[in-house]
């Protein structure tokens, strides 16, 4: 399983675009599981501080910081393919 966690505020249009990209990628990566955490909650704030997330969305892949501020489909593909090896 590949777990992607998006740490984001409500109403973030850029974050929604990242989620849409990930949803589209489920065709090629059926093991992909997407979780969203509101960064204004206590759980979200703890993750923001733990990973020093400076812009949204904060993106964790398998509970490790992958990026913040977004990522492209190509960047996700490269990471997911590395994990499948």
Protein backbone atom coordinates (compact mmCIF):
# COMPACT_ATOMS: atom_id res chain seq x y z
CA UNK A 1 0.00 0.00 0.00
CA UNK A 2 1.11 3.55 -0.73
CA UNK A 3 -0.32 5.99 1.79
CA UNK A 4 -0.42 9.68 0.88
CA UNK A 5 -1.45 12.15 3.57
CA UNK A 6 -2.41 15.68 2.56
CA UNK A 7 -2.16 18.16 5.41
CA UNK A 8 -4.25 21.09 4.30
CA UNK A 9 -6.64 23.85 5.33
CA UNK A 10 -10.29 23.80 4.28
CA UNK A 11 -11.00 25.59 1.01
CA UNK A 12 -7.48 25.26 -0.43
CA UNK A 13 -7.96 25.11 -4.21
CA UNK A 14 -4.31 24.17 -4.86
CA UNK A 15 -4.71 21.29 -2.39
CA UNK A 16 -7.84 20.11 -4.21
CA UNK A 17 -5.86 20.04 -7.48
CA UNK A 18 -3.18 17.86 -5.86
CA UNK A 19 -5.88 15.50 -4.56
CA UNK A 20 -7.48 15.33 -8.04
CA UNK A 21 -4.09 14.38 -9.52
CA UNK A 22 -3.72 11.61 -6.94
CA UNK A 23 -7.27 10.33 -7.54
CA UNK A 24 -6.50 10.12 -11.27
CA UNK A 25 -3.31 8.17 -10.50
CA UNK A 26 -5.27 5.42 -8.72
CA UNK A 27 -5.80 3.82 -12.14
CA UNK A 28 -2.07 3.06 -12.35
CA UNK A 29 -1.53 2.72 -8.60
CA UNK A 30 -4.58 0.88 -7.19
CA UNK A 31 -2.73 0.43 -3.89
CA UNK A 32 -2.80 4.21 -3.38
CA UNK A 33 -4.62 5.36 -0.25
CA UNK A 34 -5.26 9.11 0.18
CA UNK A 35 -5.85 10.64 3.60
CA UNK A 36 -6.60 14.30 4.30
CA UNK A 37 -5.96 16.05 7.60
CA UNK A 38 -7.12 19.60 8.27
CA UNK A 39 -4.05 21.56 9.31
CA UNK A 40 -6.14 23.72 11.67
CA UNK A 41 -6.93 20.76 13.93
CA UNK A 42 -4.67 19.73 16.79
CA UNK A 43 -3.59 16.64 14.80
CA UNK A 44 -2.86 18.83 11.77
CA UNK A 45 -0.91 21.38 13.80
CA UNK A 46 1.18 18.60 15.35
CA UNK A 47 2.11 17.35 11.85
CA UNK A 48 2.85 20.89 10.61
CA UNK A 49 5.28 21.35 13.47
CA UNK A 50 6.78 17.86 13.29
CA UNK A 51 7.57 18.14 9.56
CA UNK A 52 8.11 21.94 9.47
CA UNK A 53 5.47 22.36 6.74
CA UNK A 54 5.70 25.91 5.44
CA UNK A 55 2.96 25.88 2.78
CA UNK A 56 -0.05 23.77 1.95
CA UNK A 57 -0.58 21.08 1.18
CA UNK A 58 1.98 19.25 3.23
CA UNK A 59 2.38 15.87 1.57
CA UNK A 60 3.48 12.75 3.40
CA UNK A 61 4.13 9.49 1.57
CA UNK A 62 4.08 6.48 3.88
CA UNK A 63 4.40 8.84 6.88
CA UNK A 64 7.54 10.56 5.57
CA UNK A 65 7.63 14.16 4.33
CA UNK A 66 7.56 14.16 0.53
CA UNK A 67 6.81 17.82 -0.27
CA UNK A 68 4.95 20.91 0.78
CA UNK A 69 3.22 23.41 -1.46
CA UNK A 70 2.26 20.73 -3.98
CA UNK A 71 3.83 18.17 -6.30
CA UNK A 72 3.44 17.17 -9.94
CA UNK A 73 2.16 13.89 -11.29
CA UNK A 74 5.68 13.09 -12.55
CA UNK A 75 7.12 13.67 -9.06
CA UNK A 76 4.51 11.36 -7.55
CA UNK A 77 5.12 8.70 -10.22
CA UNK A 78 8.86 8.71 -9.56
CA UNK A 79 8.31 8.28 -5.81
CA UNK A 80 5.60 5.62 -6.18
CA UNK A 81 7.71 3.61 -8.64
CA UNK A 82 10.65 3.74 -6.20
CA UNK A 83 8.39 2.37 -3.46
CA UNK A 84 7.19 -0.49 -5.66
CA UNK A 85 10.74 -1.80 -6.18
